C-alpha atoms as a PDB file:
ATOM      1  CA  MET A   1       0.000   0.000   0.000  1.00  0.00           C
ATOM      2  CA  GLU A   2       0.993   3.664  -0.110  1.00  0.00           C
ATOM      3  CA  LEU A   3      -0.063   5.285   3.144  1.00  0.00           C
ATOM      4  CA  CYS A   4      -1.473   8.798   2.728  1.00  0.00           C
ATOM      5  CA  LEU A   5      -0.359  11.059   5.554  1.00  0.00           C
ATOM      6  CA  ALA A   6      -0.944  14.628   6.683  1.00  0.00           C
ATOM      7  CA  VAL A   7       2.737  15.360   6.014  1.00  0.00           C
ATOM      8  CA  SER A   8       4.878  14.746   2.931  1.00  0.00           C
ATOM      9  CA  PRO A   9       7.770  12.229   2.962  1.00  0.00           C
ATOM     10  CA  GLY A  10      10.162  15.150   2.617  1.00  0.00           C
ATOM     11  CA  GLU A  11       9.099  16.387   6.071  1.00  0.00           C
ATOM     12  CA  LEU A  12      10.013  13.094   7.741  1.00  0.00           C
ATOM     13  CA  THR A  13      13.305  12.252   9.408  1.00  0.00           C
ATOM     14  CA  ARG A  14      15.408   9.333   8.157  1.00  0.00           C
ATOM     15  CA  ALA A  15      14.056   7.122  10.973  1.00  0.00           C
ATOM     16  CA  GLU A  16      10.483   8.157  10.193  1.00  0.00           C
ATOM     17  CA  ARG A  17      10.949   7.362   6.492  1.00  0.00           C
ATOM     18  CA  LYS A  18      12.167   3.946   7.579  1.00  0.00           C
ATOM     19  CA  ILE A  19       8.935   3.398   9.533  1.00  0.00           C
ATOM     20  CA  LEU A  20       6.766   4.614   6.658  1.00  0.00           C
ATOM     21  CA  ASP A  21       8.575   2.393   4.184  1.00  0.00           C
ATOM     22  CA  TYR A  22       8.034  -0.603   6.482  1.00  0.00           C
ATOM     23  CA  ILE A  23       4.298   0.151   6.797  1.00  0.00           C
ATOM     24  CA  ASN A  24       3.972   0.494   3.022  1.00  0.00           C
ATOM     25  CA  THR A  25       5.735  -2.775   2.239  1.00  0.00           C
ATOM     26  CA  ASN A  26       4.810  -4.905   5.288  1.00  0.00           C
ATOM     27  CA  THR A  27       1.287  -3.736   6.100  1.00  0.00           C
ATOM     28  CA  ASP A  28       0.053  -7.112   7.275  1.00  0.00           C
ATOM     29  CA  THR A  29       2.970  -7.665   9.659  1.00  0.00           C
ATOM     30  CA  PHE A  30       2.751  -4.075  10.943  1.00  0.00           C
ATOM     31  CA  LEU A  31      -0.888  -4.473  11.909  1.00  0.00           C
ATOM     32  CA  PHE A  32      -0.084  -7.480  14.095  1.00  0.00           C
ATOM     33  CA  SER A  33       2.975  -5.882  15.726  1.00  0.00           C
ATOM     34  CA  SER A  34       3.161  -4.082  19.046  1.00  0.00           C
ATOM     35  CA  ILE A  35       5.045  -0.806  19.231  1.00  0.00           C
ATOM     36  CA  GLY A  36       7.913  -2.626  20.927  1.00  0.00           C
ATOM     37  CA  GLN A  37       8.041  -5.351  18.278  1.00  0.00           C
ATOM     38  CA  LEU A  38       8.046  -2.793  15.472  1.00  0.00           C
ATOM     39  CA  ALA A  39      10.768  -0.730  17.144  1.00  0.00           C
ATOM     40  CA  GLN A  40      12.937  -3.809  17.689  1.00  0.00           C
ATOM     41  CA  ARG A  41      12.437  -5.001  14.119  1.00  0.00           C
ATOM     42  CA  LEU A  42      13.534  -1.643  12.716  1.00  0.00           C
ATOM     43  CA  GLY A  43      16.313  -1.039  15.225  1.00  0.00           C
ATOM     44  CA  LEU A  44      14.582   2.049  16.627  1.00  0.00           C
ATOM     45  CA  SER A  45      13.277   3.104  20.028  1.00  0.00           C
ATOM     46  CA  ASP A  46       9.645   2.959  21.135  1.00  0.00           C
ATOM     47  CA  ALA A  47       9.794   6.744  21.573  1.00  0.00           C
ATOM     48  CA  THR A  48      10.812   7.214  17.931  1.00  0.00           C
ATOM     49  CA  VAL A  49       7.800   5.197  16.760  1.00  0.00           C
ATOM     50  CA  SER A  50       5.505   7.186  19.055  1.00  0.00           C
ATOM     51  CA  ARG A  51       6.880  10.476  17.759  1.00  0.00           C
ATOM     52  CA  PHE A  52       6.306   9.297  14.196  1.00  0.00           C
ATOM     53  CA  ALA A  53       2.650   8.536  14.968  1.00  0.00           C
ATOM     54  CA  ARG A  54       2.133  12.016  16.407  1.00  0.00           C
ATOM     55  CA  HIS A  55       4.114  13.695  13.611  1.00  0.00           C
ATOM     56  CA  VAL A  56       1.809  12.228  10.952  1.00  0.00           C
ATOM     57  CA  GLY A  57      -1.310  13.408  12.776  1.00  0.00           C
ATOM     58  CA  CYS A  58      -2.217  10.411  14.951  1.00  0.00           C
ATOM     59  CA  ALA A  59      -2.821  10.596  18.690  1.00  0.00           C
ATOM     60  CA  ASP A  60      -0.785   7.447  19.370  1.00  0.00           C
ATOM     61  CA  PHE A  61       0.398   4.139  17.929  1.00  0.00           C
ATOM     62  CA  LYS A  62      -3.106   2.651  18.158  1.00  0.00           C
ATOM     63  CA  SER A  63      -4.505   5.525  16.122  1.00  0.00           C
ATOM     64  CA  LEU A  64      -1.750   4.996  13.563  1.00  0.00           C
ATOM     65  CA  LYS A  65      -2.841   1.384  13.184  1.00  0.00           C
ATOM     66  CA  SER A  66      -6.436   2.522  12.707  1.00  0.00           C
ATOM     67  CA  LEU A  67      -5.295   4.874   9.943  1.00  0.00           C
ATOM     68  CA  VAL A  68      -3.462   2.038   8.209  1.00  0.00           C
ATOM     69  CA  VAL A  69      -6.509  -0.261   8.490  1.00  0.00           C
ATOM     70  CA  GLU A  70      -8.687   2.418   6.886  1.00  0.00           C
ATOM     71  CA  GLN A  71      -6.374   2.724   3.899  1.00  0.00           C
ATOM     72  CA  ALA A  72      -5.306  -0.904   3.517  1.00  0.00           C
ATOM     73  CA  VAL A  73      -6.561  -2.802   0.482  1.00  0.00           C
ATOM     74  CA  GLY A  74      -7.851  -6.320   1.193  1.00  0.00           C
ATOM     75  CA  PRO A  75      -7.506  -8.323   4.414  1.00  0.00           C
ATOM     76  CA  ALA A  76      -4.421  -7.228   6.313  1.00  0.00           C
ATOM     77  CA  ALA A  77      -3.540 -10.715   7.521  1.00  0.00           C
ATOM     78  CA  LYS A  78      -3.568 -12.338   4.073  1.00  0.00           C
ATOM     79  CA  MET A  79      -0.669 -14.762   3.817  1.00  0.00           C
ATOM     80  CA  ALA A  80       0.919 -13.216   6.910  1.00  0.00           C
ATOM     81  CA  GLY A  81       1.772 -16.692   8.140  1.00  0.00           C
ATOM     82  CA  THR A  82       4.366 -17.018   5.405  1.00  0.00           C
ATOM     83  CA  LEU A  83       6.416 -14.323   7.126  1.00  0.00           C
ATOM     84  CA  SER A  84       6.968 -16.387  10.256  1.00  0.00           C
ATOM     85  CA  GLN A  85      10.659 -16.851  11.057  1.00  0.00           C
ATOM     86  CA  ASP A  86      10.136 -19.391  13.832  1.00  0.00           C
ATOM     87  CA  LEU A  87       9.541 -22.484  11.697  1.00  0.00           C
ATOM     88  CA  ALA A  88      12.141 -24.803  10.230  1.00  0.00           C
ATOM     89  CA  PHE A  89      12.952 -24.118   6.600  1.00  0.00           C
ATOM     90  CA  SER A  90      10.470 -25.542   4.125  1.00  0.00           C
ATOM     91  CA  PRO A  91      10.869 -25.130   0.346  1.00  0.00           C
ATOM     92  CA  ILE A  92       7.082 -25.036  -0.017  1.00  0.00           C
ATOM     93  CA  THR A  93       6.771 -22.267   2.554  1.00  0.00           C
ATOM     94  CA  TRP A  94       9.571 -20.412   0.821  1.00  0.00           C
ATOM     95  CA  MET A  95       7.787 -20.661  -2.548  1.00  0.00           C
ATOM     96  CA  GLU A  96       4.591 -19.405  -0.937  1.00  0.00           C
ATOM     97  CA  ARG A  97       6.538 -16.476   0.456  1.00  0.00           C
ATOM     98  CA  GLN A  98       7.719 -15.622  -3.067  1.00  0.00           C
ATOM     99  CA  GLN A  99       4.069 -15.424  -4.070  1.00  0.00           C
ATOM    100  CA  LEU A 100       3.591 -12.854  -1.334  1.00  0.00           C
ATOM    101  CA  TYR A 101       6.613 -10.891  -2.549  1.00  0.00           C
ATOM    102  CA  LEU A 102       5.213 -10.865  -6.091  1.00  0.00           C
ATOM    103  CA  GLN A 103       1.829  -9.769  -4.760  1.00  0.00           C
ATOM    104  CA  LYS A 104       3.376  -6.889  -2.819  1.00  0.00           C
ATOM    105  CA  THR A 105       5.355  -5.873  -5.896  1.00  0.00           C
ATOM    106  CA  ALA A 106       2.222  -5.891  -8.054  1.00  0.00           C
ATOM    107  CA  GLN A 107       0.322  -3.829  -5.488  1.00  0.00           C
ATOM    108  CA  GLN A 108       3.064  -1.190  -5.427  1.00  0.00           C
ATOM    109  CA  LEU A 109       3.682  -1.144  -9.189  1.00  0.00           C
ATOM    110  CA  ASP A 110       3.396   2.341 -10.646  1.00  0.00           C
ATOM    111  CA  LEU A 111       2.023   1.639 -14.131  1.00  0.00           C
ATOM    112  CA  GLU A 112       2.837   5.136 -15.356  1.00  0.00           C
ATOM    113  CA  ALA A 113       6.452   4.770 -14.232  1.00  0.00           C
ATOM    114  CA  PHE A 114       6.607   1.277 -15.762  1.00  0.00           C
ATOM    115  CA  ASP A 115       5.347   2.634 -19.082  1.00  0.00           C
ATOM    116  CA  ARG A 116       7.925   5.444 -18.993  1.00  0.00           C
ATOM    117  CA  GLY A 117      10.595   2.855 -18.255  1.00  0.00           C
ATOM    118  CA  VAL A 118       9.626   0.839 -21.316  1.00  0.00           C
ATOM    119  CA  GLY A 119       9.649   3.969 -23.460  1.00  0.00           C
ATOM    120  CA  ALA A 120      13.058   4.979 -22.139  1.00  0.00           C
ATOM    121  CA  LEU A 121      14.509   1.553 -22.980  1.00  0.00           C
ATOM    122  CA  VAL A 122      13.268   1.354 -26.556  1.00  0.00           C
ATOM    123  CA  SER A 123      14.135   4.967 -27.406  1.00  0.00           C
ATOM    124  CA  ALA A 124      17.567   5.240 -25.757  1.00  0.00           C
ATOM    125  CA  ARG A 125      20.563   5.896 -27.970  1.00  0.00           C
ATOM    126  CA  GLN A 126      22.587   3.624 -25.666  1.00  0.00           C
ATOM    127  CA  ILE A 127      21.618   1.693 -22.537  1.00  0.00           C
ATOM    128  CA  PHE A 128      24.134   1.435 -19.702  1.00  0.00           C
ATOM    129  CA  LEU A 129      23.498  -1.075 -16.905  1.00  0.00           C
ATOM    130  CA  HIS A 130      25.010  -0.976 -13.427  1.00  0.00           C
ATOM    131  CA  GLY A 131      24.690  -3.775 -10.889  1.00  0.00           C
ATOM    132  CA  LYS A 132      26.805  -4.381  -7.812  1.00  0.00           C
ATOM    133  CA  ASN A 133      27.194  -7.451  -5.564  1.00  0.00           C
ATOM    134  CA  ALA A 134      23.954  -9.492  -5.609  1.00  0.00           C
ATOM    135  CA  SER A 135      22.479  -7.162  -8.242  1.00  0.00           C
ATOM    136  CA  ALA A 136      25.267  -7.833 -10.749  1.00  0.00           C
ATOM    137  CA  PRO A 137      23.591 -11.003 -12.127  1.00  0.00           C
ATOM    138  CA  LEU A 138      20.363  -9.031 -12.658  1.00  0.00           C
ATOM    139  CA  ALA A 139      22.244  -6.431 -14.679  1.00  0.00           C
ATOM    140  CA  ALA A 140      23.893  -9.193 -16.731  1.00  0.00           C
ATOM    141  CA  MET A 141      20.561 -10.913 -17.384  1.00  0.00           C
ATOM    142  CA  LEU A 142      18.917  -7.647 -18.420  1.00  0.00           C
ATOM    143  CA  ALA A 143      21.832  -6.945 -20.764  1.00  0.00           C
ATOM    144  CA  PHE A 144      21.459 -10.412 -22.309  1.00  0.00           C
ATOM    145  CA  ARG A 145      17.713 -10.041 -22.873  1.00  0.00           C
ATOM    146  CA  LEU A 146      17.831  -6.495 -24.245  1.00  0.00           C
ATOM    147  CA  ARG A 147      20.738  -7.300 -26.548  1.00  0.00           C
ATOM    148  CA  ARG A 148      18.703 -10.128 -28.093  1.00  0.00           C
ATOM    149  CA  LEU A 149      16.063  -7.530 -28.980  1.00  0.00           C
ATOM    150  CA  GLY A 150      18.679  -5.555 -30.883  1.00  0.00           C
ATOM    151  CA  LEU A 151      18.984  -2.771 -28.313  1.00  0.00           C
ATOM    152  CA  PRO A 152      22.430  -1.176 -27.764  1.00  0.00           C
ATOM    153  CA  VAL A 153      23.516  -2.258 -24.290  1.00  0.00           C
ATOM    154  CA  SER A 154      26.703  -1.824 -22.252  1.00  0.00           C
ATOM    155  CA  LEU A 155      27.494  -3.151 -18.784  1.00  0.00           C
ATOM    156  CA  LEU A 156      29.167  -0.617 -16.518  1.00  0.00           C
ATOM    157  CA  PRO A 157      31.959  -1.792 -14.193  1.00  0.00           C
ATOM    158  CA  SER A 158      30.593  -2.372 -10.698  1.00  0.00           C
ATOM    159  CA  SER A 159      32.898  -0.013  -8.792  1.00  0.00           C
ATOM    160  CA  GLY A 160      36.018   2.095  -8.692  1.00  0.00           C
ATOM    161  CA  SER A 161      37.508   4.370 -11.314  1.00  0.00           C
ATOM    162  CA  GLU A 162      36.537   1.878 -14.025  1.00  0.00           C
ATOM    163  CA  LEU A 163      32.916   2.854 -13.392  1.00  0.00           C
ATOM    164  CA  LEU A 164      33.829   6.459 -14.191  1.00  0.00           C
ATOM    165  CA  GLU A 165      35.516   5.382 -17.415  1.00  0.00           C
ATOM    166  CA  GLY A 166      32.346   3.618 -18.507  1.00  0.00           C
ATOM    167  CA  LEU A 167      30.040   6.379 -17.300  1.00  0.00           C
ATOM    168  CA  LEU A 168      32.061   8.893 -19.301  1.00  0.00           C
ATOM    169  CA  GLN A 169      30.524   7.366 -22.451  1.00  0.00           C
ATOM    170  CA  ALA A 170      26.941   8.143 -21.341  1.00  0.00           C
ATOM    171  CA  GLY A 171      25.363  11.374 -22.514  1.00  0.00           C
ATOM    172  CA  THR A 172      22.220  13.021 -23.821  1.00  0.00           C
ATOM    173  CA  GLY A 173      19.750  10.502 -25.205  1.00  0.00           C
ATOM    174  CA  ASP A 174      21.206   7.618 -23.192  1.00  0.00           C
ATOM    175  CA  LEU A 175      19.657   5.659 -20.316  1.00  0.00           C
ATOM    176  CA  VAL A 176      21.516   4.383 -17.246  1.00  0.00           C
ATOM    177  CA  VAL A 177      19.735   1.538 -15.444  1.00  0.00           C
ATOM    178  CA  MET A 178      20.779   0.865 -11.849  1.00  0.00           C
ATOM    179  CA  PHE A 179      19.764  -1.448  -9.011  1.00  0.00           C
ATOM    180  CA  SER A 180      19.361   0.387  -5.712  1.00  0.00           C
ATOM    181  CA  PHE A 181      17.367  -1.826  -3.375  1.00  0.00           C
ATOM    182  CA  SER A 182      18.011  -1.425   0.342  1.00  0.00           C
ATOM    183  CA  LYS A 183      20.180   1.689   0.083  1.00  0.00           C
ATOM    184  CA  LEU A 184      21.896   3.899  -2.444  1.00  0.00           C
ATOM    185  CA  SER A 185      25.506   2.839  -2.961  1.00  0.00           C
ATOM    186  CA  ARG A 186      28.414   5.211  -3.478  1.00  0.00           C
ATOM    187  CA  GLU A 187      28.406   4.240  -7.149  1.00  0.00           C
ATOM    188  CA  GLY A 188      24.675   4.934  -7.314  1.00  0.00           C
ATOM    189  CA  ARG A 189      25.242   8.415  -5.929  1.00  0.00           C
ATOM    190  CA  VAL A 190      27.861   9.030  -8.603  1.00  0.00           C
ATOM    191  CA  ILE A 191      25.467   7.893 -11.339  1.00  0.00           C
ATOM    192  CA  LEU A 192      22.675  10.158 -10.084  1.00  0.00           C
ATOM    193  CA  GLU A 193      24.932  13.138  -9.547  1.00  0.00           C
ATOM    194  CA  HIS A 194      26.718  12.877 -12.899  1.00  0.00           C
ATOM    195  CA  ARG A 195      23.428  12.814 -14.869  1.00  0.00           C
ATOM    196  CA  ARG A 196      23.075  16.570 -14.349  1.00  0.00           C
ATOM    197  CA  ALA A 197      26.305  17.226 -16.206  1.00  0.00           C
ATOM    198  CA  ALA A 198      26.058  14.407 -18.764  1.00  0.00           C
ATOM    199  CA  GLY A 199      22.350  14.706 -19.595  1.00  0.00           C
ATOM    200  CA  TYR A 200      21.438  11.017 -19.526  1.00  0.00           C
ATOM    201  CA  GLN A 201      18.248   9.611 -17.989  1.00  0.00           C
ATOM    202  CA  THR A 202      18.205   7.150 -15.066  1.00  0.00           C
ATOM    203  CA  LEU A 203      15.988   4.173 -14.270  1.00  0.00           C
ATOM    204  CA  ALA A 204      16.324   2.452 -10.886  1.00  0.00           C
ATOM    205  CA  PHE A 205      15.018  -0.827  -9.505  1.00  0.00           C
ATOM    206  CA  VAL A 206      14.276  -0.106  -5.826  1.00  0.00           C
ATOM    207  CA  SER A 207      12.754  -1.855  -2.815  1.00  0.00           C
ATOM    208  CA  ARG A 208      11.909   1.303  -0.878  1.00  0.00           C
ATOM    209  CA  THR A 209       8.704   3.302  -1.248  1.00  0.00           C
ATOM    210  CA  CYS A 210       9.967   6.341   0.654  1.00  0.00           C
ATOM    211  CA  ILE A 211      13.115   7.710  -1.010  1.00  0.00           C
ATOM    212  CA  PRO A 212      14.632  11.157  -0.353  1.00  0.00           C
ATOM    213  CA  PRO A 213      14.483  13.439  -3.422  1.00  0.00           C
ATOM    214  CA  GLU A 214      18.269  13.529  -3.766  1.00  0.00           C
ATOM    215  CA  GLU A 215      18.344   9.714  -4.043  1.00  0.00           C
ATOM    216  CA  GLN A 216      15.573   9.371  -6.620  1.00  0.00           C
ATOM    217  CA  ALA A 217      16.181   8.311 -10.204  1.00  0.00           C
ATOM    218  CA  ASP A 218      14.161   9.778 -13.065  1.00  0.00           C
ATOM    219  CA  ILE A 219      12.153   6.550 -13.156  1.00  0.00           C
ATOM    220  CA  SER A 220      11.839   4.144 -10.196  1.00  0.00           C
ATOM    221  CA  LEU A 221      10.361   0.639 -10.293  1.00  0.00           C
ATOM    222  CA  PHE A 222       9.588  -1.019  -6.955  1.00  0.00           C
ATOM    223  CA  ALA A 223      10.250  -4.714  -6.238  1.00  0.00           C
ATOM    224  CA  TYR A 224       9.659  -6.252  -2.809  1.00  0.00           C
ATOM    225  CA  ARG A 225      12.515  -8.463  -1.561  1.00  0.00           C
ATOM    226  CA  GLY A 226      11.541  -9.178   2.062  1.00  0.00           C
ATOM    227  CA  GLU A 227      11.951  -7.466   5.390  1.00  0.00           C
ATOM    228  CA  GLU A 228      15.109  -5.595   6.299  1.00  0.00           C
ATOM    229  CA  MET A 229      16.658  -8.217   8.588  1.00  0.00           C
ATOM    230  CA  GLU A 230      15.790 -11.339   6.574  1.00  0.00           C
ATOM    231  CA  TYR A 231      17.244 -13.010   3.496  1.00  0.00           C
ATOM    232  CA  HIS A 232      16.583 -10.753   0.507  1.00  0.00           C
ATOM    233  CA  SER A 233      15.017 -12.613  -2.382  1.00  0.00           C
ATOM    234  CA  MET A 234      15.506 -11.743  -6.045  1.00  0.00           C
ATOM    235  CA  SER A 235      12.275 -13.407  -7.212  1.00  0.00           C
ATOM    236  CA  ALA A 236      10.229 -10.214  -7.507  1.00  0.00           C
ATOM    237  CA  PRO A 237      13.022  -8.115  -9.080  1.00  0.00           C
ATOM    238  CA  THR A 238      13.590 -10.863 -11.659  1.00  0.00           C
ATOM    239  CA  ALA A 239       9.876 -11.046 -12.465  1.00  0.00           C
ATOM    240  CA  LEU A 240       9.694  -7.263 -12.785  1.00  0.00           C
ATOM    241  CA  LEU A 241      12.773  -7.278 -15.017  1.00  0.00           C
ATOM    242  CA  ASP A 242      11.200  -9.908 -17.275  1.00  0.00           C
ATOM    243  CA  ALA A 243       7.961  -7.905 -17.426  1.00  0.00           C
ATOM    244  CA  LEU A 244       9.944  -4.859 -18.527  1.00  0.00           C
ATOM    245  CA  VAL A 245      11.712  -6.845 -21.252  1.00  0.00           C
ATOM    246  CA  LEU A 246       8.471  -8.352 -22.557  1.00  0.00           C
ATOM    247  CA  ALA A 247       6.802  -4.941 -22.610  1.00  0.00           C
ATOM    248  CA  ALA A 248       9.801  -3.542 -24.486  1.00  0.00           C
ATOM    249  CA  ALA A 249       9.599  -6.376 -27.020  1.00  0.00           C
ATOM    250  CA  SER A 250       5.914  -5.616 -27.533  1.00  0.00           C
ATOM    251  CA  ARG A 251       6.650  -1.901 -27.935  1.00  0.00           C
ATOM    252  CA  LEU A 252       9.427  -2.602 -30.455  1.00  0.00           C
ATOM    253  CA  GLY A 253       7.172  -4.800 -32.598  1.00  0.00           C
ATOM    254  CA  PRO A 254       8.846  -5.931 -35.845  1.00  0.00           C
ATOM    255  CA  ARG A 255      12.065  -4.187 -34.838  1.00  0.00           C
ATOM    256  CA  GLY A 256      12.492  -6.604 -31.926  1.00  0.00           C
ATOM    257  CA  THR A 257      11.341  -9.738 -33.733  1.00  0.00           C
ATOM    258  CA  ASP A 258      13.606  -8.927 -36.698  1.00  0.00           C
ATOM    259  CA  ALA A 259      16.582  -8.812 -34.336  1.00  0.00           C
ATOM    260  CA  LEU A 260      15.668 -12.219 -32.926  1.00  0.00           C
ATOM    261  CA  GLU A 261      15.269 -13.634 -36.424  1.00  0.00           C
ATOM    262  CA  ARG A 262      18.673 -12.291 -37.491  1.00  0.00           C
ATOM    263  CA  LEU A 263      20.179 -13.913 -34.404  1.00  0.00           C
ATOM    264  CA  HIS A 264      18.524 -17.206 -35.340  1.00  0.00           C
ATOM    265  CA  GLN A 265      19.967 -17.007 -38.851  1.00  0.00           C
ATOM    266  CA  LEU A 266      23.454 -16.282 -37.515  1.00  0.00           C
ATOM    267  CA  LYS A 267      23.285 -19.303 -35.209  1.00  0.00           C
ATOM    268  CA  THR A 268      22.117 -21.474 -38.088  1.00  0.00           C
ATOM    269  CA  THR A 269      24.973 -20.233 -40.283  1.00  0.00           C
ATOM    270  CA  TYR A 270      27.863 -20.292 -37.848  1.00  0.00           C
ATOM    271  CA  PHE A 271      26.890 -22.918 -35.262  1.00  0.00           C
ATOM    272  CA  PRO A 272      24.889 -25.524 -37.190  1.00  0.00           C
ATOM    273  CA  LEU A 273      26.385 -28.407 -35.212  1.00  0.00           C
ATOM    274  CA  ASP A 274      25.147 -26.949 -31.938  1.00  0.00           C
ATOM    275  CA  ARG A 275      21.616 -26.770 -33.284  1.00  0.00           C
ATOM    276  CA  ALA A 276      21.876 -30.277 -34.713  1.00  0.00           C
ATOM    277  CA  GLU A 277      22.973 -31.624 -31.334  1.00  0.00           C
ATOM    278  CA  GLN A 278      20.089 -29.854 -29.611  1.00  0.00           C
ATOM    279  CA  GLY A 279      17.671 -31.417 -32.080  1.00  0.00           C
ATOM    280  CA  SER A 280      19.088 -34.882 -31.427  1.00  0.00           C
ATOM    281  CA  CYS A 281      18.528 -34.680 -27.662  1.00  0.00           C
ATOM    282  CA  ARG A 282      15.197 -36.449 -27.723  1.00  0.00           C
ATOM    283  CA  PRO A 283      14.080 -39.360 -25.557  1.00  0.00           C
ATOM    284  CA  GLU A 284      14.232 -42.715 -27.307  1.00  0.00           C
ATOM    285  CA  ASN A 285      10.991 -44.560 -27.893  1.00  0.00           C
END
């Protein structure tokens, strides 16, 4: 959900933005948490949570919960059991939790921003992708999929001065895609700051709903990865990435399918044995 408050996110402190982001992305868990449990989960004090409630126009924590209930869509406790951390690991439970993550991502999806993201991809002169640590494979997969559609793609180095050497190539008409989930990295700050001088556009995959203006990309797409102190899944970001690629392919039309067909012809011409071996891998009768 996106909680509507009497104050704007820009008027909140960093700790208060952390609370708001948690409410937006973990509404069901929030509603079943005491003020002490919420404070402990976020690494804050009970007093900080109380001050947040009063700052946003509520008399107390109970009134804050009532406000959230009024604005929540659907039953607050839906699938809340999948968030339990007290049970032994179960692959089935884990898969069910991914369903919840996808549901939260769909609920928070800004269709207008998604559409602008698709338009930015298909119209960019050059697409630069930056992923660091666990996000690096996502950047590589996005590069692979976009390149197959015939789009001009370059992977930026993950860190250090090599990033600057790659970023130096980006300019007006280009798009820089970055992954900035739990926090904005030093490299992410460089990318956002340099856009003012270089003139490129930015698209960020994020897992926060409350982002300070100075940390916002031109286009932000939200993907839920789990609570702050638990294992962060890449299921929802991957699904969102695939949705973006499919929408781009649809927007490109013949331009995208022609690129795939040319790739098919090249494989047939230069790697015929590979295709022959793939065709022979059939179960015997």
